[in-house]
Structure formats: C-alpha cells, structure tokens
Amino acid sequence: MANESSSGIVLAAAALLGMVVANTTLRSTYFETLDKKFVLDVGAFYLSLTTQKFINYLLMTLFF
C-alpha cells in the first residue's frame, strides 16, 4: 500500500511542478532547454538531436 501511495504522491508533485513552471518566468528557460542541441559522437557514430528529440526518441524508447 505504501508503494502505491508513494507513486501517486510523486505523480501529483510532478504535475504541480509542471503547473508552476508553466505559469512563471521559468517557462522560457524550460523551452530554451528543450531546444538545445544534444550531440553524441562515438567513433564513426554521430547523433545530433535537440534535448526534446533526445527525450522523445531515446529515453522514451528505453522507458516503454
């Protein structure tokens, strides 16, 4: 029961944090961070993505 409650609290806190960021001056910083380039260069492998695309393509693939 405590584990289910903890995950609900974390989800509610993340939603609250999102609402705070969306309605303050942190909004512009958030979107600027999403537009920054993320470069992964290992040997012959080169990948250049924005932070948002990195999250969408790579991290979400691992998560789901």
N, C-alpha and C. Protein backbone atom coordinates (compact mmCIF):
# COMPACT_ATOMS: atom_id res chain seq x y z
N MET A 1 0.82 -1.20 0.00
CA MET A 1 0.00 0.00 0.00
C MET A 1 0.87 1.27 0.00
N ALA A 2 1.95 1.27 0.75
CA ALA A 2 2.82 2.45 0.81
C ALA A 2 3.46 2.72 -0.53
N ASN A 3 3.80 1.67 -1.28
CA ASN A 3 4.42 1.84 -2.58
C ASN A 3 3.46 2.50 -3.56
N GLU A 4 2.19 2.09 -3.54
CA GLU A 4 1.19 2.71 -4.42
C GLU A 4 0.96 4.16 -4.03
N SER A 5 0.94 4.45 -2.76
CA SER A 5 0.76 5.82 -2.29
C SER A 5 1.94 6.69 -2.69
N SER A 6 3.13 6.15 -2.58
CA SER A 6 4.33 6.91 -2.93
C SER A 6 4.34 7.30 -4.40
N SER A 7 3.97 6.37 -5.27
CA SER A 7 3.97 6.69 -6.70
C SER A 7 2.91 7.75 -7.02
N GLY A 8 1.79 7.72 -6.34
CA GLY A 8 0.76 8.74 -6.53
C GLY A 8 1.23 10.11 -6.08
N ILE A 9 1.94 10.14 -4.98
CA ILE A 9 2.47 11.41 -4.46
C ILE A 9 3.51 11.98 -5.42
N VAL A 10 4.37 11.13 -5.95
CA VAL A 10 5.39 11.59 -6.91
C VAL A 10 4.71 12.13 -8.17
N LEU A 11 3.68 11.45 -8.65
CA LEU A 11 2.96 11.90 -9.84
C LEU A 11 2.28 13.25 -9.59
N ALA A 12 1.64 13.41 -8.44
CA ALA A 12 0.99 14.68 -8.11
C ALA A 12 2.02 15.80 -7.97
N ALA A 13 3.16 15.51 -7.37
CA ALA A 13 4.21 16.52 -7.22
C ALA A 13 4.76 16.94 -8.58
N ALA A 14 4.92 15.99 -9.49
CA ALA A 14 5.41 16.32 -10.84
C ALA A 14 4.40 17.18 -11.59
N ALA A 15 3.12 16.87 -11.44
CA ALA A 15 2.08 17.68 -12.08
C ALA A 15 2.06 19.09 -11.51
N LEU A 16 2.19 19.21 -10.21
CA LEU A 16 2.23 20.53 -9.56
C LEU A 16 3.45 21.32 -10.01
N LEU A 17 4.60 20.67 -10.08
CA LEU A 17 5.81 21.34 -10.55
C LEU A 17 5.65 21.81 -11.99
N GLY A 18 5.03 21.00 -12.83
CA GLY A 18 4.78 21.39 -14.22
C GLY A 18 3.89 22.62 -14.31
N MET A 19 2.86 22.69 -13.47
CA MET A 19 1.97 23.86 -13.48
C MET A 19 2.70 25.11 -13.00
N VAL A 20 3.56 24.96 -12.01
CA VAL A 20 4.33 26.11 -11.50
C VAL A 20 5.27 26.62 -12.58
N VAL A 21 6.00 25.72 -13.23
CA VAL A 21 6.94 26.12 -14.27
C VAL A 21 6.21 26.78 -15.44
N ALA A 22 5.05 26.25 -15.81
CA ALA A 22 4.30 26.79 -16.95
C ALA A 22 3.77 28.20 -16.69
N ASN A 23 3.60 28.56 -15.43
CA ASN A 23 2.99 29.84 -15.11
C ASN A 23 3.94 30.83 -14.44
N THR A 24 5.24 30.61 -14.57
CA THR A 24 6.23 31.53 -14.02
C THR A 24 7.24 31.89 -15.10
N THR A 25 8.23 32.65 -14.72
CA THR A 25 9.27 33.04 -15.67
C THR A 25 10.17 31.87 -16.05
N LEU A 26 10.05 30.76 -15.36
CA LEU A 26 10.83 29.56 -15.70
C LEU A 26 10.39 28.94 -17.02
N ARG A 27 9.24 29.37 -17.52
CA ARG A 27 8.70 28.82 -18.76
C ARG A 27 9.68 28.99 -19.92
N SER A 28 10.23 30.18 -20.07
CA SER A 28 11.15 30.43 -21.18
C SER A 28 12.43 29.60 -21.04
N THR A 29 12.91 29.46 -19.81
CA THR A 29 14.10 28.63 -19.57
C THR A 29 13.83 27.18 -19.92
N TYR A 30 12.64 26.69 -19.59
CA TYR A 30 12.26 25.31 -19.90
C TYR A 30 12.29 25.06 -21.40
N PHE A 31 11.67 25.97 -22.17
CA PHE A 31 11.62 25.78 -23.62
C PHE A 31 12.99 25.98 -24.27
N GLU A 32 13.80 26.88 -23.73
CA GLU A 32 15.17 27.04 -24.24
C GLU A 32 15.98 25.77 -24.00
N THR A 33 15.78 25.14 -22.87
CA THR A 33 16.48 23.89 -22.56
C THR A 33 16.07 22.79 -23.52
N LEU A 34 14.79 22.72 -23.87
CA LEU A 34 14.32 21.70 -24.81
C LEU A 34 14.88 21.91 -26.21
N ASP A 35 15.21 23.15 -26.57
CA ASP A 35 15.71 23.45 -27.91
C ASP A 35 17.23 23.33 -28.03
N LYS A 36 17.93 23.09 -26.94
CA LYS A 36 19.39 22.95 -27.01
C LYS A 36 19.78 21.67 -27.73
N LYS A 37 20.91 21.73 -28.43
CA LYS A 37 21.41 20.57 -29.17
C LYS A 37 22.09 19.58 -28.22
N PHE A 38 21.85 18.32 -28.47
CA PHE A 38 22.50 17.23 -27.75
C PHE A 38 23.26 16.42 -28.78
N VAL A 39 24.57 16.31 -28.63
CA VAL A 39 25.40 15.62 -29.62
C VAL A 39 26.03 14.40 -28.98
N LEU A 40 25.88 13.26 -29.64
CA LEU A 40 26.51 12.02 -29.22
C LEU A 40 27.45 11.60 -30.34
N ASP A 41 28.75 11.63 -30.05
CA ASP A 41 29.76 11.34 -31.06
C ASP A 41 30.72 10.27 -30.52
N VAL A 42 30.53 9.04 -31.01
CA VAL A 42 31.37 7.92 -30.57
C VAL A 42 31.94 7.25 -31.80
N GLY A 43 33.22 7.44 -32.05
CA GLY A 43 33.85 6.84 -33.22
C GLY A 43 33.19 7.30 -34.50
N ALA A 44 32.71 6.35 -35.28
CA ALA A 44 32.04 6.67 -36.55
C ALA A 44 30.57 7.00 -36.34
N PHE A 45 30.07 6.86 -35.12
CA PHE A 45 28.66 7.12 -34.83
C PHE A 45 28.49 8.57 -34.40
N TYR A 46 27.63 9.30 -35.09
CA TYR A 46 27.38 10.71 -34.77
C TYR A 46 25.87 10.93 -34.74
N LEU A 47 25.37 11.48 -33.65
CA LEU A 47 23.95 11.74 -33.50
C LEU A 47 23.77 13.13 -32.91
N SER A 48 23.04 13.98 -33.62
CA SER A 48 22.79 15.34 -33.16
C SER A 48 21.28 15.55 -33.06
N LEU A 49 20.80 15.77 -31.84
CA LEU A 49 19.37 15.96 -31.59
C LEU A 49 19.18 17.13 -30.64
N THR A 50 17.97 17.71 -30.67
CA THR A 50 17.63 18.65 -29.62
C THR A 50 17.33 17.85 -28.36
N THR A 51 17.32 18.52 -27.23
CA THR A 51 17.04 17.82 -25.98
C THR A 51 15.67 17.17 -26.02
N GLN A 52 14.69 17.85 -26.60
CA GLN A 52 13.34 17.29 -26.68
C GLN A 52 13.31 16.02 -27.53
N LYS A 53 13.98 16.03 -28.67
CA LYS A 53 14.01 14.84 -29.52
C LYS A 53 14.79 13.71 -28.85
N PHE A 54 15.85 14.05 -28.12
CA PHE A 54 16.59 13.04 -27.37
C PHE A 54 15.68 12.34 -26.37
N ILE A 55 14.89 13.13 -25.65
CA ILE A 55 13.95 12.56 -24.68
C ILE A 55 12.92 11.71 -25.40
N ASN A 56 12.33 12.24 -26.46
CA ASN A 56 11.27 11.52 -27.17
C ASN A 56 11.76 10.24 -27.82
N TYR A 57 12.88 10.28 -28.50
CA TYR A 57 13.33 9.13 -29.28
C TYR A 57 14.07 8.09 -28.45
N LEU A 58 14.99 8.53 -27.61
CA LEU A 58 15.86 7.58 -26.92
C LEU A 58 15.36 7.21 -25.52
N LEU A 59 15.09 8.20 -24.70
CA LEU A 59 14.70 7.88 -23.33
C LEU A 59 13.32 7.24 -23.25
N MET A 60 12.38 7.72 -24.06
CA MET A 60 11.04 7.12 -24.04
C MET A 60 11.07 5.70 -24.59
N THR A 61 11.96 5.43 -25.53
CA THR A 61 12.10 4.07 -26.05
C THR A 61 12.57 3.13 -24.95
N LEU A 62 13.52 3.57 -24.16
CA LEU A 62 14.00 2.74 -23.06
C LEU A 62 12.95 2.59 -21.96
N PHE A 63 12.18 3.64 -21.73
CA PHE A 63 11.16 3.61 -20.68
C PHE A 63 10.04 2.65 -21.01
N PHE A 64 9.58 2.69 -22.27
CA PHE A 64 8.45 1.83 -22.64
C PHE A 64 8.94 0.58 -23.30
